[in-house]
Amino acid sequence: MVVGFSDSGSRDLMTQLVMMGCSFGGNGSRNTSPMARAIGSRNTSPSRQKAIKTKPRGLDEEMIAKFAKTPHPDVRMDVRMEDDIWAMLPEDLLNEILARVPPFMIFRLRSVCKRWNSILQDNGFLKFHSQVPSHGPCLLTFCKNSQSQTPSCSVFSLPLKQWYRIPFTFLPQWAFWIVGSSGGLVCFSGLDGLTFRTLICNPLTQKWRILPKMHNNQQRQLSMVVYRKQRSFKIIAANDLYGDKSLPTEVFDSNLGGWSVHQKMPAVNLCSSKMAFCNSRLYLETLSPLGLMMYRVDSGYWEHIPAKFPRSLLDGYLVAGTQKRLFLVGRVGLYSTLQSMRIWELDHSKPMWVEVTRMPPRFFRALLRLSAERFECFGQDNLILFTSWNQGKGLLYDVDKKQWSWIAGCGLRLYNSQVCFYEPRFDASIY
């Protein structure tokens, strides 16, 4: 099911959001505020009320079942909000309620009226929003129509288990691709004609900016990290995208507003352009010398880690986990014989790769029907997503729960489709 961001039931939506916000207000206890009494409730006795506990990563199943479904237009709402009640609602209470509502539902409020649109940009709302637990990880898919080149974007909420469409026509009409996402921001790089550009945007606020040109402005391997507490971000430009030129490493710091030049990466033979940012360090796979290249963002220097790859590894992806956890994901075997997909974790003290798990054969056969079929791999918060070019679905592995599950709609069926993990946040600033 895909939910859009415009409908005719704006007042019904307001009622639902306020009721949800009140339910999130305090440890599942009864809400006896004047606003709650004004709204009304049929079951007011303590014995008949249910205590609703909040979860850090989203709504519980009861709340999802109650509010995720769009009511039939012929069905009257049990509770109606009158205009005078909305007018009497204190601003700070309204901000606190909205801050506890899932971000995708808040997004729909922008088109209700000027007041709602201004509230979502108000510092009071952003303050409450920054203090509530994160909505949880989401999957963002981005692609362009092959004929009209119109960009489209959909986000799958893992906590709500639902797809949402986000308008993406606010970006310039370049030939660009996703670099990555962190802390509510999405980074793109691409070509404006023949000029290489880097762009940062917040999909929820629809705000974006073009970063200044690098000192060596060529197509580069880029990685982004957002520091939420400092309300800043950094972009690290490593080697040339195609690996045939040795360029100085450059770092964009949003606090400084420009690029700084650092040490060149030592001459190495890279396995791929995929990078992983983990524990303030950037990692790349290398064939010669065998192992990893690690870039320390704080000092600006590269160093080699002699962590040998597992035997018979056909293709591998580095995936960053939480804290210091760094994973290697890849196929083992021969292209003409039986294969298996495995996940390893780097033991920093050795250093060596330690096997974590193997993909069950039934999932592997469903994901890669051909032995030489290409696949992609992404990770965030100890979640690893697998997609292949011929599938209309993705396979998600939760490292902590040790669970495998399918997600429909996020496969790379189109050549220009791109997928990344995404955390929806209104307080993520592009400056």
Protein backbone atom coordinates (compact mmCIF):
# COMPACT_ATOMS: atom_id res chain seq x y z
CA MET A 1 0.00 0.00 0.00
CA VAL A 2 1.35 3.42 -0.97
CA VAL A 3 0.08 6.50 0.80
CA GLY A 4 0.27 9.89 -0.89
CA PHE A 5 0.56 13.27 0.74
CA SER A 6 -2.62 14.97 -0.41
CA ASP A 7 -6.25 14.16 0.29
CA SER A 8 -9.53 15.86 1.05
CA GLY A 9 -9.88 14.69 4.65
CA SER A 10 -7.60 17.28 6.21
CA ARG A 11 -9.78 17.88 9.28
CA ASP A 12 -10.17 14.16 9.89
CA LEU A 13 -6.40 13.88 9.64
CA MET A 14 -5.98 16.65 12.20
CA THR A 15 -8.29 14.82 14.60
CA GLN A 16 -6.35 11.59 14.19
CA LEU A 17 -3.00 13.30 14.68
CA VAL A 18 -4.04 15.07 17.86
CA MET A 19 -5.53 11.89 19.30
CA MET A 20 -2.29 10.09 18.47
CA GLY A 21 -0.21 12.86 20.00
CA CYS A 22 -2.26 12.72 23.20
CA SER A 23 -1.83 8.96 23.38
CA PHE A 24 1.94 9.40 23.10
CA GLY A 25 1.99 12.03 25.80
CA GLY A 26 2.99 10.17 28.94
CA ASN A 27 3.76 6.58 29.76
CA GLY A 28 0.44 5.29 28.53
CA SER A 29 -1.52 7.04 31.31
CA ARG A 30 -4.96 8.55 31.04
CA ASN A 31 -5.08 11.96 29.34
CA THR A 32 -7.06 14.40 31.49
CA SER A 33 -5.97 17.65 29.82
CA PRO A 34 -8.67 20.25 28.96
CA MET A 35 -8.01 19.58 25.28
CA ALA A 36 -8.74 15.88 25.72
CA ARG A 37 -11.99 16.68 27.54
CA ALA A 38 -12.95 19.06 24.73
CA ILE A 39 -12.31 16.37 22.16
CA GLY A 40 -14.34 13.82 24.06
CA SER A 41 -14.09 10.08 24.46
CA ARG A 42 -16.75 7.40 24.59
CA ASN A 43 -14.96 5.09 27.02
CA THR A 44 -13.91 7.37 29.86
CA SER A 45 -13.81 4.90 32.74
CA PRO A 46 -10.28 3.83 33.75
CA SER A 47 -11.29 0.17 33.62
CA ARG A 48 -12.29 0.41 29.94
CA GLN A 49 -9.29 2.40 28.74
CA LYS A 50 -6.21 0.74 27.30
CA ALA A 51 -2.76 1.91 28.27
CA ILE A 52 -0.78 2.52 25.09
CA LYS A 53 2.98 2.25 25.46
CA THR A 54 5.28 3.97 23.00
CA LYS A 55 8.12 2.32 21.15
CA PRO A 56 11.32 4.22 20.30
CA ARG A 57 11.14 3.10 16.65
CA GLY A 58 7.52 3.97 15.87
CA LEU A 59 3.95 3.10 16.67
CA ASP A 60 2.82 -0.18 18.14
CA GLU A 61 0.65 -2.53 16.09
CA GLU A 62 -2.62 -1.41 17.70
CA MET A 63 -2.00 2.24 16.83
CA ILE A 64 -0.92 1.35 13.28
CA ALA A 65 -4.08 -0.67 12.68
CA LYS A 66 -6.23 2.16 14.00
CA PHE A 67 -4.73 5.12 12.18
CA ALA A 68 -2.88 3.83 9.10
CA LYS A 69 -6.10 2.99 7.25
CA THR A 70 -7.89 5.76 5.40
CA PRO A 71 -11.53 6.00 6.59
CA HIS A 72 -14.27 5.44 4.02
CA PRO A 73 -15.74 8.80 2.90
CA ASP A 74 -19.25 7.67 3.87
CA VAL A 75 -18.25 6.80 7.43
CA ARG A 76 -18.61 9.64 9.92
CA MET A 77 -15.75 10.20 12.34
CA ASP A 78 -16.61 9.49 15.96
CA VAL A 79 -14.81 12.66 17.01
CA ARG A 80 -14.91 15.98 15.15
CA MET A 81 -12.63 18.91 15.83
CA GLU A 82 -14.33 22.31 15.65
CA ASP A 83 -12.52 25.39 14.40
CA ASP A 84 -12.74 27.17 17.74
CA ILE A 85 -11.02 24.24 19.49
CA TRP A 86 -8.09 24.42 17.08
CA ALA A 87 -7.89 28.17 17.62
CA MET A 88 -7.75 27.70 21.42
CA LEU A 89 -5.01 25.08 21.30
CA PRO A 90 -1.82 26.50 22.91
CA GLU A 91 1.15 26.70 20.56
CA ASP A 92 3.56 24.78 22.80
CA LEU A 93 1.04 21.96 23.31
CA LEU A 94 0.43 21.78 19.57
CA ASN A 95 4.18 21.59 18.92
CA GLU A 96 4.63 18.79 21.45
CA ILE A 97 1.75 16.80 19.94
CA LEU A 98 3.06 17.17 16.40
CA ALA A 99 6.59 16.24 17.45
CA ARG A 100 5.31 12.81 18.55
CA VAL A 101 3.46 12.06 15.32
CA PRO A 102 5.25 10.01 12.62
CA PRO A 103 7.06 12.41 10.25
CA PHE A 104 5.25 11.23 7.10
CA MET A 105 1.86 12.09 8.62
CA ILE A 106 3.15 15.50 9.70
CA PHE A 107 4.31 16.11 6.13
CA ARG A 108 0.68 16.09 4.97
CA LEU A 109 -0.11 19.05 7.23
CA ARG A 110 1.89 21.44 5.02
CA SER A 111 -1.00 21.82 2.59
CA VAL A 112 -3.75 22.33 5.20
CA CYS A 113 -3.20 26.04 5.81
CA LYS A 114 -0.47 28.66 6.24
CA ARG A 115 -0.49 28.21 10.01
CA TRP A 116 0.28 24.50 9.81
CA ASN A 117 2.96 25.07 7.21
CA SER A 118 4.65 27.71 9.38
CA ILE A 119 4.48 25.52 12.49
CA LEU A 120 6.52 22.79 10.81
CA GLN A 121 9.29 25.33 10.29
CA ASP A 122 8.98 26.87 13.74
CA ASN A 123 11.94 26.61 16.12
CA GLY A 124 9.60 25.51 18.93
CA PHE A 125 8.35 22.54 16.93
CA LEU A 126 11.88 21.65 15.77
CA LYS A 127 13.07 21.72 19.38
CA PHE A 128 10.41 19.21 20.48
CA HIS A 129 11.00 17.15 17.32
CA SER A 130 14.74 16.84 18.03
CA GLN A 131 14.05 15.52 21.55
CA VAL A 132 11.64 12.69 20.72
CA PRO A 133 12.96 9.21 19.80
CA SER A 134 13.80 8.63 16.17
CA HIS A 135 11.01 7.33 13.93
CA GLY A 136 13.34 4.52 12.94
CA PRO A 137 15.08 3.45 9.75
CA CYS A 138 13.39 3.77 6.37
CA LEU A 139 14.26 2.81 2.81
CA LEU A 140 14.34 5.54 0.19
CA THR A 141 14.03 4.65 -3.50
CA PHE A 142 14.79 7.27 -6.12
CA CYS A 143 14.48 7.05 -9.89
CA LYS A 144 13.75 9.13 -12.99
CA ASN A 145 11.21 8.43 -15.68
CA SER A 146 13.11 7.31 -18.77
CA GLN A 147 11.05 9.55 -21.07
CA SER A 148 10.16 12.67 -19.10
CA GLN A 149 13.17 12.48 -16.73
CA THR A 150 10.79 13.43 -13.91
CA PRO A 151 12.24 12.27 -10.57
CA SER A 152 10.11 10.17 -8.25
CA CYS A 153 10.78 9.14 -4.68
CA SER A 154 9.14 6.64 -2.36
CA VAL A 155 10.01 5.86 1.26
CA PHE A 156 9.27 2.60 3.06
CA SER A 157 8.84 3.02 6.81
CA LEU A 158 10.15 -0.09 8.57
CA PRO A 159 8.32 0.74 11.84
CA LEU A 160 4.98 1.35 10.06
CA LYS A 161 5.60 -1.22 7.28
CA GLN A 162 4.13 1.12 4.69
CA TRP A 163 5.23 3.00 1.56
CA TYR A 164 4.93 6.79 1.22
CA ARG A 165 5.48 8.99 -1.83
CA ILE A 166 7.49 12.20 -1.49
CA PRO A 167 7.38 14.87 -4.22
CA PHE A 168 10.89 15.33 -5.63
CA THR A 169 10.35 17.91 -8.35
CA PHE A 170 12.10 20.58 -6.26
CA LEU A 171 15.58 19.39 -7.35
CA PRO A 172 17.31 20.71 -10.49
CA GLN A 173 17.09 18.62 -13.66
CA TRP A 174 20.60 17.18 -13.60
CA ALA A 175 21.95 13.74 -14.31
CA PHE A 176 22.64 12.85 -10.67
CA TRP A 177 22.70 9.81 -8.42
CA ILE A 178 22.46 9.14 -4.69
CA VAL A 179 25.71 9.26 -2.73
CA GLY A 180 24.09 8.30 0.57
CA SER A 181 21.97 9.47 3.47
CA SER A 182 22.68 10.34 7.09
CA GLY A 183 20.75 12.05 9.87
CA GLY A 184 17.79 13.06 7.71
CA LEU A 185 19.83 14.48 4.81
CA VAL A 186 20.37 12.91 1.39
CA CYS A 187 23.48 13.63 -0.67
CA PHE A 188 23.48 13.56 -4.49
CA SER A 189 26.30 14.01 -6.97
CA GLY A 190 26.05 14.42 -10.70
CA LEU A 191 26.71 16.47 -13.78
CA ASP A 192 25.27 19.88 -14.56
CA GLY A 193 26.20 19.73 -18.22
CA LEU A 194 29.92 18.93 -17.98
CA THR A 195 30.38 20.32 -14.46
CA PHE A 196 30.56 17.93 -11.50
CA ARG A 197 28.22 19.00 -8.70
CA THR A 198 27.40 17.89 -5.17
CA LEU A 199 23.94 18.56 -3.71
CA ILE A 200 22.44 18.18 -0.22
CA CYS A 201 18.70 18.09 0.50
CA ASN A 202 16.16 17.29 3.21
CA PRO A 203 13.27 15.41 1.52
CA LEU A 204 10.76 16.35 4.24
CA THR A 205 11.43 20.10 4.31
CA GLN A 206 12.06 20.14 0.52
CA LYS A 207 15.13 22.34 1.12
CA TRP A 208 18.34 21.83 -0.84
CA ARG A 209 21.66 23.48 -1.63
CA ILE A 210 24.52 23.07 -4.08
CA LEU A 211 27.91 22.74 -2.42
CA PRO A 212 30.85 24.81 -3.66
CA LYS A 213 33.18 23.24 -6.20
CA MET A 214 36.05 21.13 -4.93
CA HIS A 215 39.65 22.18 -5.52
CA ASN A 216 39.94 19.16 -7.84
CA ASN A 217 36.41 19.19 -9.20
CA GLN A 218 36.06 15.79 -10.86
CA GLN A 219 33.75 12.84 -10.37
CA ARG A 220 34.82 11.56 -6.97
CA GLN A 221 34.01 8.79 -4.52
CA LEU A 222 31.92 10.57 -1.88
CA SER A 223 30.66 9.74 1.59
CA MET A 224 28.52 11.81 3.97
CA VAL A 225 28.13 11.89 7.74
CA VAL A 226 25.76 14.06 9.81
CA TYR A 227 26.53 15.14 13.38
CA ARG A 228 23.10 15.74 14.92
CA LYS A 229 24.22 17.28 18.21
CA GLN A 230 26.48 19.76 16.45
CA ARG A 231 23.86 20.30 13.71
CA SER A 232 26.55 19.93 11.06
CA PHE A 233 27.69 17.50 8.37
CA LYS A 234 30.79 16.53 6.43
CA ILE A 235 31.33 15.22 2.91
CA ILE A 236 34.50 13.21 2.26
CA ALA A 237 35.76 13.07 -1.32
CA ALA A 238 38.22 10.21 -1.69
CA ASN A 239 39.79 9.09 -4.96
CA ASP A 240 38.70 9.61 -8.54
CA LEU A 241 35.40 7.78 -9.19
CA TYR A 242 36.98 5.48 -11.75
CA GLY A 243 40.19 4.98 -9.78
CA ASP A 244 42.54 6.03 -12.59
CA LYS A 245 43.71 9.28 -11.01
CA SER A 246 45.30 9.91 -7.64
CA LEU A 247 43.69 13.04 -6.21
CA PRO A 248 44.09 14.68 -2.79
CA THR A 249 41.36 13.80 -0.30
CA GLU A 250 38.99 16.71 0.25
CA VAL A 251 36.53 17.28 3.10
CA PHE A 252 33.57 19.66 3.11
CA ASP A 253 32.64 20.92 6.59
CA SER A 254 29.25 22.66 6.84
CA ASN A 255 30.55 24.72 9.78
CA LEU A 256 33.33 26.13 7.60
CA GLY A 257 31.29 26.26 4.39
CA GLY A 258 34.10 25.04 2.15
CA TRP A 259 36.40 22.20 1.08
CA SER A 260 39.74 21.51 2.75
CA VAL A 261 42.53 19.52 1.06
CA HIS A 262 44.19 16.61 2.85
CA GLN A 263 46.56 13.71 2.16
CA LYS A 264 46.37 11.74 -1.07
CA MET A 265 45.26 8.14 -0.78
CA PRO A 266 48.33 5.92 -1.25
CA ALA A 267 48.51 4.14 -4.62
CA VAL A 268 46.28 1.07 -4.28
CA ASN A 269 44.20 -1.20 -6.47
CA LEU A 270 40.63 -0.70 -5.26
CA CYS A 271 38.05 -3.50 -5.37
CA SER A 272 35.12 -1.12 -5.96
CA SER A 273 33.98 2.45 -5.40
CA LYS A 274 31.78 1.39 -2.46
CA MET A 275 32.81 2.88 0.88
CA ALA A 276 31.63 2.57 4.46
CA PHE A 277 31.79 5.24 7.17
CA CYS A 278 32.15 3.76 10.63
CA ASN A 279 33.33 5.24 13.94
CA SER A 280 34.64 8.48 12.34
CA ARG A 281 36.62 6.44 9.82
CA LEU A 282 36.16 5.80 6.13
CA TYR A 283 36.90 2.30 4.77
CA LEU A 284 37.57 1.02 1.23
CA GLU A 285 38.44 -2.46 -0.01
CA THR A 286 41.79 -2.93 -1.76
CA LEU A 287 43.29 -5.79 -3.78
CA SER A 288 46.85 -4.52 -3.86
CA PRO A 289 47.87 -4.35 -1.10
CA LEU A 290 45.23 -6.83 0.08
CA GLY A 291 42.96 -5.55 2.83
CA LEU A 292 41.40 -2.17 3.65
CA MET A 293 42.33 1.49 3.34
CA MET A 294 41.15 3.52 6.34
CA TYR A 295 40.84 7.31 6.41
CA ARG A 296 40.78 9.05 9.79
CA VAL A 297 38.54 12.09 9.42
CA ASP A 298 39.85 13.75 12.60
CA SER A 299 43.52 13.64 11.53
CA GLY A 300 43.11 13.63 7.74
CA TYR A 301 45.44 10.66 7.12
CA TRP A 302 45.14 7.29 5.37
CA GLU A 303 46.48 3.98 6.63
CA HIS A 304 46.37 0.38 5.43
CA ILE A 305 44.74 -2.43 7.43
CA PRO A 306 46.01 -5.91 6.42
CA ALA A 307 42.67 -7.70 6.89
CA LYS A 308 42.69 -10.53 4.33
CA PHE A 309 39.43 -11.33 2.61
CA PRO A 310 37.76 -14.73 3.11
CA ARG A 311 38.75 -17.40 0.58
CA SER A 312 36.72 -17.76 -2.64
CA LEU A 313 35.08 -14.34 -2.14
CA LEU A 314 33.54 -13.34 -5.48
CA ASP A 315 32.27 -9.84 -4.68
CA GLY A 316 32.05 -7.97 -1.42
CA TYR A 317 30.45 -4.86 0.04
CA LEU A 318 31.51 -2.99 3.15
CA VAL A 319 28.57 -2.12 5.42
CA ALA A 320 28.76 0.12 8.48
CA GLY A 321 26.95 -1.02 11.61
CA THR A 322 26.35 0.74 14.92
CA GLN A 323 29.25 1.90 17.08
CA LYS A 324 32.49 0.36 15.73
CA ARG A 325 30.92 -2.58 13.88
CA LEU A 326 32.05 -3.00 10.26
CA PHE A 327 30.59 -5.79 8.12
CA LEU A 328 31.69 -7.44 4.89
CA VAL A 329 28.93 -8.95 2.74
CA GLY A 330 29.61 -11.11 -0.30
CA ARG A 331 29.20 -14.27 -2.31
CA VAL A 332 31.50 -17.24 -1.82
CA GLY A 333 32.11 -19.91 -4.46
CA LEU A 334 32.59 -19.97 -8.22
CA TYR A 335 30.38 -18.34 -10.83
CA SER A 336 29.83 -21.69 -12.55
CA THR A 337 29.13 -23.69 -9.38
CA LEU A 338 27.12 -23.49 -6.18
CA GLN A 339 27.43 -20.26 -4.23
CA SER A 340 26.37 -18.85 -0.89
CA MET A 341 25.97 -15.36 0.57
CA ARG A 342 27.75 -14.66 3.85
CA ILE A 343 28.24 -11.82 6.31
CA TRP A 344 31.46 -11.23 8.24
CA GLU A 345 32.41 -8.70 10.93
CA LEU A 346 35.84 -7.10 11.26
CA ASP A 347 37.74 -7.97 14.42
CA HIS A 348 39.72 -4.74 14.80
CA SER A 349 42.17 -6.26 17.31
CA LYS A 350 43.47 -9.03 14.97
CA PRO A 351 42.59 -7.66 12.34
CA MET A 352 40.58 -10.38 10.59
CA TRP A 353 37.07 -11.11 9.28
CA VAL A 354 34.86 -13.30 11.51
CA GLU A 355 31.80 -14.94 9.97
CA VAL A 356 28.50 -13.75 11.43
CA THR A 357 25.91 -15.67 9.41
CA ARG A 358 25.02 -17.21 6.05
CA MET A 359 21.99 -16.41 3.95
CA PRO A 360 19.59 -19.40 3.98
CA PRO A 361 19.66 -21.20 0.59
CA ARG A 362 15.96 -20.54 -0.13
CA PHE A 363 16.48 -16.76 0.22
CA PHE A 364 19.67 -16.89 -1.84
CA ARG A 365 17.96 -18.75 -4.69
CA ALA A 366 15.04 -16.32 -4.66
CA LEU A 367 17.32 -13.26 -4.60
CA LEU A 368 19.82 -14.35 -7.27
CA ARG A 369 18.32 -16.68 -9.83
CA LEU A 370 21.43 -16.58 -12.02
CA SER A 371 24.90 -17.34 -10.67
CA ALA A 372 26.42 -14.22 -12.29
CA GLU A 373 23.52 -11.90 -11.47
CA ARG A 374 24.47 -8.55 -9.99
CA PHE A 375 23.28 -7.50 -6.55
CA GLU A 376 23.53 -4.41 -4.35
CA CYS A 377 23.92 -4.18 -0.60
CA PHE A 378 23.24 -1.32 1.85
CA GLY A 379 23.36 -1.05 5.62
CA GLN A 380 22.39 1.09 8.60
CA ASP A 381 21.80 0.49 12.32
CA ASN A 382 22.82 -3.19 12.01
CA LEU A 383 20.27 -3.66 9.22
CA ILE A 384 21.50 -4.99 5.86
CA LEU A 385 19.42 -4.77 2.68
CA PHE A 386 20.02 -6.92 -0.42
CA THR A 387 18.59 -6.05 -3.84
CA SER A 388 19.17 -7.53 -7.29
CA TRP A 389 18.62 -6.09 -10.74
CA ASN A 390 15.86 -8.49 -11.77
CA GLN A 391 13.75 -8.47 -8.62
CA GLY A 392 10.90 -6.21 -7.51
CA LYS A 393 11.68 -6.75 -3.85
CA GLY A 394 14.52 -6.51 -1.37
CA LEU A 395 15.78 -8.88 1.32
CA LEU A 396 16.40 -7.37 4.75
CA TYR A 397 18.58 -8.93 7.45
CA ASP A 398 18.46 -7.70 11.06
CA VAL A 399 21.85 -8.50 12.61
CA ASP A 400 20.62 -8.02 16.18
CA LYS A 401 17.44 -10.09 15.81
CA LYS A 402 19.02 -12.53 13.31
CA GLN A 403 15.92 -12.32 11.13
CA TRP A 404 15.45 -12.36 7.33
CA SER A 405 12.42 -10.70 5.70
CA TRP A 406 11.25 -9.63 2.24
CA ILE A 407 10.28 -6.04 1.40
CA ALA A 408 8.22 -5.62 -1.76
CA GLY A 409 8.71 -2.63 -4.00
CA CYS A 410 12.36 -1.73 -3.35
CA GLY A 411 14.04 -3.91 -5.97
CA LEU A 412 16.14 -2.35 -8.72
CA ARG A 413 13.90 -3.23 -11.65
CA LEU A 414 14.82 -0.06 -13.51
CA TYR A 415 18.38 0.67 -14.52
CA ASN A 416 18.29 4.16 -13.00
CA SER A 417 16.61 3.13 -9.72
CA GLN A 418 18.59 3.82 -6.57
CA VAL A 419 18.04 2.73 -2.97
CA CYS A 420 19.49 3.85 0.35
CA PHE A 421 18.60 3.83 4.05
CA TYR A 422 17.03 7.06 5.25
CA GLU A 423 16.03 8.56 8.61
CA PRO A 424 13.16 11.10 8.27
CA ARG A 425 13.85 14.24 10.30
CA PHE A 426 12.49 17.79 10.08
CA ASP A 427 15.35 19.22 12.17
CA ALA A 428 18.10 18.12 9.78
CA SER A 429 19.61 21.34 8.42
CA ILE A 430 21.32 21.66 5.04
CA TYR A 431 23.59 24.41 6.48
